[in-house]
Every structure is written in C-alpha cells, then in structure tokens.
N, C-alpha and C. Protein backbone atom coordinates (compact mmCIF):
# COMPACT_ATOMS: atom_id res chain seq x y z
N UNK A 1 87.35 8.64 -0.16
CA UNK A 1 86.86 9.86 -0.75
C UNK A 1 85.45 9.71 -1.27
N UNK A 2 85.20 8.65 -1.93
CA UNK A 2 83.88 8.44 -2.49
C UNK A 2 82.82 8.44 -1.39
N UNK A 3 83.11 7.83 -0.28
CA UNK A 3 82.15 7.76 0.81
C UNK A 3 81.90 9.12 1.48
N UNK A 4 82.91 9.93 1.54
CA UNK A 4 82.79 11.23 2.18
C UNK A 4 81.75 12.11 1.47
N UNK A 5 81.77 12.14 0.17
CA UNK A 5 80.82 12.94 -0.59
C UNK A 5 79.40 12.43 -0.38
N UNK A 6 79.25 11.14 -0.30
CA UNK A 6 77.94 10.55 -0.08
C UNK A 6 77.42 10.93 1.31
N UNK A 7 78.30 10.95 2.33
CA UNK A 7 77.91 11.36 3.67
C UNK A 7 77.45 12.79 3.69
N UNK A 8 78.10 13.68 2.95
CA UNK A 8 77.70 15.09 2.89
C UNK A 8 76.31 15.25 2.30
N UNK A 9 76.00 14.46 1.26
CA UNK A 9 74.67 14.52 0.65
C UNK A 9 73.60 14.09 1.64
N UNK A 10 73.89 13.07 2.40
CA UNK A 10 72.92 12.61 3.39
C UNK A 10 72.71 13.64 4.48
N UNK A 11 73.79 14.29 4.92
CA UNK A 11 73.67 15.31 5.95
C UNK A 11 72.85 16.49 5.47
N UNK A 12 73.10 16.95 4.23
CA UNK A 12 72.37 18.12 3.75
C UNK A 12 70.90 17.82 3.56
N UNK A 13 70.54 16.60 3.16
CA UNK A 13 69.12 16.28 3.03
C UNK A 13 68.45 16.19 4.40
N UNK A 14 69.19 15.73 5.41
CA UNK A 14 68.64 15.69 6.76
C UNK A 14 68.45 17.10 7.31
N UNK A 15 69.40 18.01 7.04
CA UNK A 15 69.31 19.38 7.53
C UNK A 15 68.17 20.13 6.86
N UNK A 16 67.86 19.82 5.62
CA UNK A 16 66.84 20.54 4.88
C UNK A 16 65.43 20.19 5.35
N UNK A 17 65.23 18.96 5.81
CA UNK A 17 63.89 18.57 6.25
C UNK A 17 63.71 18.87 7.73
N UNK A 18 62.54 19.36 8.08
CA UNK A 18 62.30 19.63 9.50
C UNK A 18 62.20 18.33 10.27
N UNK A 19 62.68 18.36 11.49
CA UNK A 19 62.61 17.17 12.32
C UNK A 19 62.00 17.54 13.67
N UNK A 20 61.31 16.60 14.27
CA UNK A 20 60.72 16.88 15.58
C UNK A 20 61.78 17.14 16.64
N UNK A 21 62.97 16.62 16.45
CA UNK A 21 64.05 16.84 17.41
C UNK A 21 64.42 18.32 17.42
N UNK A 22 64.47 18.95 16.25
CA UNK A 22 64.81 20.36 16.16
C UNK A 22 63.78 21.21 16.90
N UNK A 23 62.51 20.89 16.75
CA UNK A 23 61.45 21.64 17.43
C UNK A 23 61.54 21.45 18.94
N UNK A 24 61.86 20.26 19.36
CA UNK A 24 61.96 19.99 20.78
C UNK A 24 63.16 20.72 21.39
N UNK A 25 64.17 20.97 20.58
CA UNK A 25 65.34 21.68 21.08
C UNK A 25 65.05 23.16 21.30
N UNK A 26 63.95 23.67 20.75
CA UNK A 26 63.63 25.10 20.85
C UNK A 26 62.31 25.31 21.56
N UNK A 27 62.21 24.92 22.81
CA UNK A 27 60.95 25.14 23.53
C UNK A 27 60.73 26.60 23.87
N UNK A 28 61.76 27.43 23.73
CA UNK A 28 61.63 28.85 24.08
C UNK A 28 60.84 29.64 23.05
N UNK A 29 60.47 29.04 21.92
CA UNK A 29 59.72 29.78 20.91
C UNK A 29 58.34 30.18 21.42
N UNK A 30 57.75 29.38 22.28
CA UNK A 30 56.45 29.75 22.86
C UNK A 30 56.59 30.98 23.73
N UNK A 31 57.69 31.11 24.45
CA UNK A 31 57.92 32.28 25.30
C UNK A 31 58.12 33.53 24.47
N UNK A 32 58.68 33.39 23.26
CA UNK A 32 58.89 34.55 22.40
C UNK A 32 57.59 35.09 21.85
N UNK A 33 56.57 34.27 21.79
CA UNK A 33 55.27 34.70 21.28
C UNK A 33 54.36 35.16 22.39
N UNK A 34 54.93 35.67 23.49
CA UNK A 34 54.14 36.13 24.62
C UNK A 34 53.38 37.40 24.25
N UNK A 35 52.34 37.75 24.99
CA UNK A 35 51.53 38.93 24.68
C UNK A 35 52.31 40.24 24.74
N UNK A 36 53.42 40.31 25.46
CA UNK A 36 54.16 41.56 25.57
C UNK A 36 55.18 41.74 24.45
N UNK A 37 55.33 40.78 23.57
CA UNK A 37 56.22 40.94 22.43
C UNK A 37 55.50 41.83 21.42
N UNK A 38 56.09 42.99 21.07
CA UNK A 38 55.37 43.90 20.18
C UNK A 38 55.28 43.36 18.75
N UNK A 39 54.16 43.62 18.12
CA UNK A 39 54.03 43.34 16.70
C UNK A 39 54.87 44.39 15.98
N UNK A 40 55.44 44.05 14.83
CA UNK A 40 56.33 44.97 14.14
C UNK A 40 55.99 45.07 12.66
N UNK A 41 56.03 46.30 12.16
CA UNK A 41 55.89 46.56 10.73
C UNK A 41 57.19 47.24 10.32
N UNK A 42 57.95 46.57 9.47
CA UNK A 42 59.29 47.06 9.14
C UNK A 42 59.26 48.12 8.03
N UNK A 43 60.41 48.73 7.85
CA UNK A 43 60.59 49.75 6.82
C UNK A 43 60.30 49.14 5.46
N UNK A 44 59.65 49.91 4.60
CA UNK A 44 59.33 49.42 3.26
C UNK A 44 57.92 48.85 3.16
N UNK A 45 57.23 48.69 4.28
CA UNK A 45 55.86 48.17 4.29
C UNK A 45 54.90 49.35 4.41
N UNK A 46 53.83 49.35 3.60
CA UNK A 46 52.82 50.40 3.66
C UNK A 46 51.48 49.77 3.97
N UNK A 47 50.80 50.32 4.98
CA UNK A 47 49.50 49.79 5.41
C UNK A 47 48.48 50.92 5.43
N UNK A 48 47.29 50.64 4.90
CA UNK A 48 46.17 51.57 4.98
C UNK A 48 45.03 50.82 5.64
N UNK A 49 44.40 51.44 6.64
CA UNK A 49 43.28 50.78 7.29
C UNK A 49 43.21 51.04 8.77
N UNK A 50 42.80 50.01 9.52
CA UNK A 50 42.59 50.15 10.96
C UNK A 50 43.28 49.01 11.70
N UNK A 51 43.98 49.38 12.77
CA UNK A 51 44.65 48.39 13.62
C UNK A 51 44.10 48.58 15.03
N UNK A 52 43.69 47.47 15.66
CA UNK A 52 43.21 47.57 17.04
C UNK A 52 43.63 46.34 17.82
N UNK A 53 43.73 46.51 19.13
CA UNK A 53 44.11 45.41 20.00
C UNK A 53 44.58 45.94 21.34
N UNK A 54 45.15 45.05 22.15
CA UNK A 54 45.65 45.44 23.46
C UNK A 54 47.15 45.25 23.60
N UNK A 55 47.81 44.82 22.56
CA UNK A 55 49.25 44.60 22.62
C UNK A 55 50.04 45.83 22.21
N UNK A 56 51.34 45.65 22.09
CA UNK A 56 52.25 46.71 21.67
C UNK A 56 52.50 46.60 20.17
N UNK A 57 52.76 47.75 19.54
CA UNK A 57 53.00 47.78 18.10
C UNK A 57 54.18 48.68 17.80
N UNK A 58 55.12 48.18 17.00
CA UNK A 58 56.26 48.96 16.53
C UNK A 58 56.08 49.16 15.04
N UNK A 59 56.05 50.42 14.60
CA UNK A 59 55.83 50.76 13.19
C UNK A 59 57.06 51.48 12.66
N UNK A 60 57.70 50.90 11.64
CA UNK A 60 58.83 51.57 11.00
C UNK A 60 58.56 51.78 9.52
N UNK A 61 57.35 51.45 9.08
CA UNK A 61 56.96 51.64 7.69
C UNK A 61 56.01 52.83 7.57
N UNK A 62 55.10 52.75 6.60
CA UNK A 62 54.12 53.81 6.38
C UNK A 62 52.74 53.30 6.78
N UNK A 63 51.96 54.18 7.42
CA UNK A 63 50.62 53.81 7.84
C UNK A 63 49.68 54.98 7.64
N UNK A 64 48.47 54.68 7.16
CA UNK A 64 47.43 55.68 6.98
C UNK A 64 46.12 55.07 7.46
N UNK A 65 45.53 55.64 8.53
CA UNK A 65 44.27 55.10 9.02
C UNK A 65 44.06 55.36 10.49
N UNK A 66 43.62 54.32 11.22
CA UNK A 66 43.32 54.43 12.65
C UNK A 66 44.07 53.34 13.41
N UNK A 67 44.59 53.72 14.58
CA UNK A 67 45.26 52.76 15.45
C UNK A 67 44.65 52.90 16.84
N UNK A 68 44.17 51.78 17.39
CA UNK A 68 43.61 51.77 18.74
C UNK A 68 44.23 50.60 19.50
N UNK A 69 45.11 50.94 20.44
CA UNK A 69 45.76 49.93 21.29
C UNK A 69 45.40 50.27 22.72
N UNK A 70 44.32 49.71 23.22
CA UNK A 70 43.77 50.06 24.53
C UNK A 70 44.78 50.09 25.66
N UNK A 71 45.52 49.02 25.85
CA UNK A 71 46.48 48.97 26.95
C UNK A 71 47.90 48.80 26.44
N UNK A 72 48.14 49.11 25.19
CA UNK A 72 49.45 48.88 24.60
C UNK A 72 50.24 50.15 24.35
N UNK A 73 51.48 49.93 23.92
CA UNK A 73 52.38 51.02 23.55
C UNK A 73 52.54 51.02 22.04
N UNK A 74 52.40 52.19 21.44
CA UNK A 74 52.61 52.35 20.00
C UNK A 74 53.92 53.09 19.82
N UNK A 75 54.88 52.44 19.14
CA UNK A 75 56.18 53.06 18.89
C UNK A 75 56.33 53.32 17.41
N UNK A 76 56.65 54.57 17.08
CA UNK A 76 56.87 54.98 15.70
C UNK A 76 58.38 55.02 15.49
N UNK A 77 58.90 54.16 14.63
CA UNK A 77 60.34 54.09 14.38
C UNK A 77 60.85 55.29 13.60
N UNK A 78 62.17 55.43 13.54
CA UNK A 78 62.81 56.56 12.87
C UNK A 78 62.43 56.69 11.40
N UNK A 79 62.19 55.57 10.74
CA UNK A 79 61.89 55.58 9.30
C UNK A 79 60.40 55.67 9.00
N UNK A 80 59.57 55.67 10.03
CA UNK A 80 58.12 55.61 9.86
C UNK A 80 57.52 56.95 9.46
N UNK A 81 56.45 56.85 8.70
CA UNK A 81 55.61 58.00 8.35
C UNK A 81 54.18 57.57 8.60
N UNK A 82 53.57 58.16 9.62
CA UNK A 82 52.24 57.74 10.05
C UNK A 82 51.28 58.91 9.94
N UNK A 83 50.15 58.68 9.29
CA UNK A 83 49.07 59.66 9.21
C UNK A 83 47.83 58.94 9.76
N UNK A 84 47.47 59.27 11.01
CA UNK A 84 46.43 58.45 11.64
C UNK A 84 45.79 59.12 12.84
N UNK A 85 44.65 58.54 13.24
CA UNK A 85 44.04 58.79 14.53
C UNK A 85 44.58 57.69 15.43
N UNK A 86 45.30 58.08 16.48
CA UNK A 86 45.99 57.11 17.33
C UNK A 86 45.46 57.20 18.75
N UNK A 87 45.14 56.05 19.33
CA UNK A 87 44.73 55.95 20.72
C UNK A 87 45.50 54.79 21.34
N UNK A 88 46.29 55.07 22.39
CA UNK A 88 47.07 54.02 23.04
C UNK A 88 47.38 54.45 24.48
N UNK A 89 47.86 53.51 25.27
CA UNK A 89 48.29 53.82 26.63
C UNK A 89 49.50 54.73 26.60
N UNK A 90 50.47 54.39 25.76
CA UNK A 90 51.70 55.17 25.63
C UNK A 90 52.09 55.24 24.16
N UNK A 91 52.61 56.39 23.73
CA UNK A 91 53.05 56.56 22.35
C UNK A 91 54.47 57.10 22.36
N UNK A 92 55.35 56.45 21.61
CA UNK A 92 56.74 56.87 21.48
C UNK A 92 56.97 57.23 20.02
N UNK A 93 57.41 58.46 19.77
CA UNK A 93 57.57 58.94 18.40
C UNK A 93 59.05 59.17 18.11
N UNK A 94 59.58 58.40 17.18
CA UNK A 94 60.96 58.58 16.70
C UNK A 94 60.96 59.03 15.25
N UNK A 95 59.85 58.84 14.55
CA UNK A 95 59.70 59.21 13.15
C UNK A 95 58.72 60.36 13.01
N UNK A 96 57.89 60.30 11.96
CA UNK A 96 56.96 61.39 11.66
C UNK A 96 55.51 60.93 11.83
N UNK A 97 54.72 61.72 12.57
CA UNK A 97 53.31 61.42 12.79
C UNK A 97 52.49 62.67 12.50
N UNK A 98 51.42 62.49 11.73
CA UNK A 98 50.47 63.56 11.44
C UNK A 98 49.09 63.03 11.81
N UNK A 99 48.34 63.78 12.64
CA UNK A 99 46.99 63.34 12.97
C UNK A 99 46.57 63.68 14.38
N UNK A 100 45.72 62.85 14.93
CA UNK A 100 45.18 63.01 16.28
C UNK A 100 45.77 61.92 17.16
N UNK A 101 46.25 62.33 18.32
CA UNK A 101 46.91 61.37 19.20
C UNK A 101 46.36 61.50 20.61
N UNK A 102 45.87 60.38 21.16
CA UNK A 102 45.38 60.36 22.54
C UNK A 102 46.11 59.23 23.27
N UNK A 103 46.87 59.60 24.30
CA UNK A 103 47.60 58.61 25.09
C UNK A 103 47.15 58.71 26.54
N UNK A 104 46.73 57.60 27.12
CA UNK A 104 46.26 57.59 28.51
C UNK A 104 47.35 58.01 29.48
N UNK A 105 48.57 57.52 29.26
CA UNK A 105 49.65 57.79 30.21
C UNK A 105 50.62 58.87 29.73
N UNK A 106 51.32 58.61 28.60
CA UNK A 106 52.29 59.61 28.18
C UNK A 106 52.65 59.49 26.71
N UNK A 107 53.22 60.58 26.21
CA UNK A 107 53.77 60.65 24.86
C UNK A 107 55.23 61.04 25.00
N UNK A 108 56.10 60.34 24.30
CA UNK A 108 57.53 60.65 24.32
C UNK A 108 57.96 60.91 22.89
N UNK A 109 58.37 62.16 22.62
CA UNK A 109 58.85 62.51 21.28
C UNK A 109 60.36 62.62 21.32
N UNK A 110 61.02 61.69 20.66
CA UNK A 110 62.48 61.66 20.63
C UNK A 110 63.02 62.83 19.80
N UNK A 111 64.32 63.04 19.86
CA UNK A 111 64.96 64.13 19.13
C UNK A 111 64.76 63.99 17.62
N UNK A 112 64.55 62.77 17.14
CA UNK A 112 64.34 62.53 15.71
C UNK A 112 62.86 62.57 15.34
N UNK A 113 61.97 62.75 16.33
CA UNK A 113 60.54 62.69 16.10
C UNK A 113 59.92 64.00 15.66
N UNK A 114 58.82 63.86 14.90
CA UNK A 114 58.05 65.01 14.44
C UNK A 114 56.57 64.68 14.61
N UNK A 115 55.83 65.60 15.26
CA UNK A 115 54.39 65.40 15.41
C UNK A 115 53.66 66.66 14.99
N UNK A 116 52.63 66.48 14.16
CA UNK A 116 51.78 67.58 13.73
C UNK A 116 50.34 67.13 13.92
N UNK A 117 49.56 67.91 14.69
CA UNK A 117 48.16 67.57 14.90
C UNK A 117 47.70 67.89 16.30
N UNK A 118 46.66 67.20 16.74
CA UNK A 118 46.09 67.40 18.07
C UNK A 118 46.62 66.31 18.99
N UNK A 119 47.02 66.70 20.20
CA UNK A 119 47.62 65.77 21.16
C UNK A 119 46.92 65.88 22.50
N UNK A 120 46.51 64.74 23.06
CA UNK A 120 45.90 64.71 24.39
C UNK A 120 46.58 63.62 25.20
N UNK A 121 47.16 64.00 26.33
CA UNK A 121 47.87 63.03 27.17
C UNK A 121 48.02 63.57 28.59
N UNK A 122 48.27 62.68 29.54
CA UNK A 122 48.52 63.11 30.92
C UNK A 122 49.97 63.52 31.12
N UNK A 123 50.88 62.96 30.34
CA UNK A 123 52.29 63.29 30.48
C UNK A 123 52.96 63.35 29.12
N UNK A 124 53.92 64.27 28.99
CA UNK A 124 54.59 64.42 27.70
C UNK A 124 56.08 64.68 27.93
N UNK A 125 56.91 64.03 27.11
CA UNK A 125 58.35 64.23 27.12
C UNK A 125 58.74 64.64 25.71
N UNK A 126 59.41 65.79 25.60
CA UNK A 126 59.85 66.28 24.29
C UNK A 126 61.36 66.49 24.37
N UNK A 127 62.11 65.71 23.63
CA UNK A 127 63.57 65.83 23.66
C UNK A 127 64.02 67.00 22.79
N UNK A 128 65.23 67.51 23.08
CA UNK A 128 65.83 68.56 22.26
C UNK A 128 65.92 68.07 20.83
N UNK A 129 65.51 68.93 19.90
CA UNK A 129 65.57 68.58 18.48
C UNK A 129 64.27 68.04 17.94
N UNK A 130 63.35 67.64 18.81
CA UNK A 130 62.05 67.13 18.36
C UNK A 130 61.23 68.28 17.79
N UNK A 131 60.32 67.96 16.87
CA UNK A 131 59.47 68.97 16.25
C UNK A 131 58.02 68.69 16.66
N UNK A 132 57.36 69.72 17.21
CA UNK A 132 55.99 69.58 17.66
C UNK A 132 55.18 70.76 17.16
N UNK A 133 54.23 70.49 16.27
CA UNK A 133 53.27 71.49 15.79
C UNK A 133 51.90 70.96 16.20
N UNK A 134 51.42 71.44 17.37
CA UNK A 134 50.23 70.81 17.91
C UNK A 134 49.50 71.68 18.90
N UNK A 135 48.23 71.37 19.08
CA UNK A 135 47.47 71.82 20.25
C UNK A 135 47.59 70.67 21.23
N UNK A 136 48.02 70.98 22.45
CA UNK A 136 48.23 69.93 23.45
C UNK A 136 47.23 70.11 24.58
N UNK A 137 46.52 69.04 24.89
CA UNK A 137 45.60 69.03 26.02
C UNK A 137 46.13 68.05 27.05
N UNK A 138 46.24 68.55 28.29
CA UNK A 138 46.70 67.70 29.39
C UNK A 138 45.57 67.68 30.41
N UNK A 139 44.76 66.62 30.42
CA UNK A 139 43.59 66.57 31.31
C UNK A 139 43.93 66.79 32.78
N UNK A 140 45.04 66.33 33.25
CA UNK A 140 45.43 66.49 34.65
C UNK A 140 45.62 67.97 34.99
N UNK A 141 46.07 68.79 34.07
CA UNK A 141 46.29 70.21 34.30
C UNK A 141 44.99 70.93 34.63
N UNK A 142 43.88 70.47 34.07
CA UNK A 142 42.59 71.11 34.34
C UNK A 142 42.23 71.00 35.82
N UNK A 143 42.56 69.90 36.46
CA UNK A 143 42.30 69.72 37.89
C UNK A 143 43.12 70.72 38.69
N UNK A 144 44.36 70.94 38.31
CA UNK A 144 45.23 71.89 39.01
C UNK A 144 44.69 73.30 38.86
N UNK A 145 44.19 73.65 37.69
CA UNK A 145 43.66 75.00 37.46
C UNK A 145 42.44 75.27 38.33
N UNK A 146 41.62 74.28 38.59
CA UNK A 146 40.43 74.45 39.41
C UNK A 146 40.84 74.78 40.85
N UNK A 147 41.93 74.21 41.33
CA UNK A 147 42.37 74.42 42.71
C UNK A 147 43.01 75.79 42.91
N UNK A 148 43.48 76.43 41.85
CA UNK A 148 44.16 77.73 41.95
C UNK A 148 43.11 78.83 41.80
N UNK A 149 43.01 79.77 42.77
CA UNK A 149 42.02 80.86 42.65
C UNK A 149 42.44 81.84 41.56
N UNK A 150 41.42 82.45 40.94
CA UNK A 150 41.69 83.46 39.91
C UNK A 150 42.15 84.75 40.58
N UNK A 151 43.22 85.31 40.07
CA UNK A 151 43.76 86.56 40.59
C UNK A 151 43.91 87.51 39.42
N UNK A 152 43.31 88.71 39.54
CA UNK A 152 43.44 89.67 38.44
C UNK A 152 44.75 90.43 38.57
N UNK A 153 45.14 91.09 37.50
CA UNK A 153 46.39 91.87 37.50
C UNK A 153 46.34 92.97 38.54
N UNK A 154 45.18 93.63 38.73
CA UNK A 154 45.05 94.70 39.70
C UNK A 154 45.28 94.20 41.12
N UNK A 155 44.80 93.00 41.44
CA UNK A 155 44.97 92.45 42.79
C UNK A 155 46.43 92.15 43.07
N UNK A 156 47.17 91.68 42.09
CA UNK A 156 48.58 91.36 42.32
C UNK A 156 49.39 92.63 42.48
N UNK A 157 49.01 93.72 41.79
CA UNK A 157 49.73 94.99 41.93
C UNK A 157 49.50 95.61 43.30
N UNK A 158 48.33 95.36 43.90
CA UNK A 158 48.00 95.96 45.18
C UNK A 158 48.16 94.98 46.33
N UNK A 159 48.92 93.93 46.14
CA UNK A 159 49.04 92.92 47.19
C UNK A 159 49.70 93.46 48.45
N UNK A 160 50.54 94.47 48.35
CA UNK A 160 51.17 95.03 49.54
C UNK A 160 50.23 95.98 50.28
N UNK A 161 49.20 96.51 49.58
CA UNK A 161 48.24 97.41 50.21
C UNK A 161 46.89 96.69 50.28
N UNK A 162 46.32 96.52 51.43
CA UNK A 162 45.03 95.84 51.53
C UNK A 162 43.96 96.62 50.79
N UNK A 163 43.08 95.90 50.09
CA UNK A 163 42.02 96.54 49.32
C UNK A 163 40.83 96.92 50.21
N UNK A 164 40.70 96.32 51.39
CA UNK A 164 39.64 96.68 52.31
C UNK A 164 40.16 96.48 53.74
N UNK A 165 39.52 97.11 54.70
CA UNK A 165 39.99 96.99 56.08
C UNK A 165 39.79 95.59 56.65
N UNK A 166 38.93 94.77 56.06
CA UNK A 166 38.66 93.45 56.62
C UNK A 166 39.90 92.56 56.69
N UNK A 167 40.73 92.41 55.64
CA UNK A 167 41.90 91.56 55.77
C UNK A 167 42.87 92.06 56.84
N UNK A 168 43.03 93.39 56.97
CA UNK A 168 43.95 93.89 58.00
C UNK A 168 43.38 93.64 59.38
N UNK A 169 42.05 93.62 59.51
CA UNK A 169 41.43 93.32 60.82
C UNK A 169 41.72 91.88 61.20
N UNK A 170 41.71 90.96 60.22
CA UNK A 170 42.04 89.57 60.51
C UNK A 170 43.48 89.45 60.98
N UNK A 171 44.36 90.18 60.34
CA UNK A 171 45.77 90.10 60.72
C UNK A 171 45.95 90.65 62.11
N UNK A 172 45.28 91.78 62.41
CA UNK A 172 45.39 92.37 63.76
C UNK A 172 44.77 91.43 64.77
N UNK A 173 43.63 90.83 64.41
CA UNK A 173 42.99 89.89 65.35
C UNK A 173 43.88 88.70 65.62
N UNK A 174 44.55 88.21 64.62
CA UNK A 174 45.42 87.06 64.77
C UNK A 174 46.63 87.45 65.61
N UNK A 175 47.14 88.66 65.40
CA UNK A 175 48.29 89.11 66.17
C UNK A 175 47.88 89.38 67.60
N UNK A 176 46.66 89.92 67.84
CA UNK A 176 46.20 90.22 69.17
C UNK A 176 45.93 88.96 69.98
N UNK A 177 45.65 87.87 69.29
CA UNK A 177 45.35 86.61 69.98
C UNK A 177 46.60 85.96 70.52
N UNK A 178 47.75 86.34 70.04
CA UNK A 178 48.99 85.69 70.48
C UNK A 178 49.41 86.14 71.81
C-alpha cells in the first residue's frame, strides 16, 4: 500500500510536466494550424478596431470597426452583433450585422440572420425568416440590363399591331422568300 501511493505521486508529476514524447505523439497539430482554419472570436468577446487578412474569420462575439478579408470568408455566428464596414470574398450571416457589406462572390443570410445597411454582391441567398433592411447592388445584374432593350409601355400595348409598315414589310419579305 505504501508503495502504491508513492507511484501515483510520481505519475501525476510526470503528467503535469510537458514531455517531448507527448509533442511527438501529436504531429497533426501543424496541420490544424493550416491557412484554411478560420480564426474565431467566441461569444462574450468584444472587439473594436480593424481586422484584415486573407484567411477566414468566424465571429460569435461583438465587433465594431472594419473587416477586410480579401480572399476569405467572414461568418457571423448566431450570438454575434457586428457593426462594421465588411469586405470579403463570401459573407455568411447567422447573427446581426449593421453597416456596409461588399462580398466578391456571395452573401448568405440564414433564417436567424439580420442585416441592416448597404449590400453589394454578385450572389445572395436569403433564407425564410431572415431579416434584410438594405439597398442591394448586384454588379452582374447591370450587365444583363445593358443587353435588354428598353421597351415603353405603349410599345408593349401595341405589340400585336405594327407601329409602322416597315416591320410588316420585313415579315412579308421573309415569307415571300420561302
């Protein structure tokens, strides 16, 4: 019995001190610190200032300032409250965001998400239950509008009746050529 207690003390002191064997057993820690692992700010943390980089960021706390993630994804967690100018490749909103948002690829607002402000993106997904109070600019839509000719209300009402003899002459000419 006396020896057993002494062995336990020796084991606990060995477990408390770091050993090179323990580090060698966990070579996968370098893989966990890869560039695609998102940085995270948990609930209860409040940050004011500017965040920039090319990685991904998950925010579940409070943030006030500017966020610029050139090629990254910015995810706003359910508990997050963000008031910021945001620029990222993709933005996912599950919490509350107030401010200006520019996403190169897309914005996804979950059913629990709320966005108020100006939004510019090429693609947007808004789930049922999501709240969106915004002016939305979709740069790709401008290209589509240029390709579509302007048609006035009067022209659409008279589409069955030609407005001049020239279009009917083309139709007759095309029919006569057959």
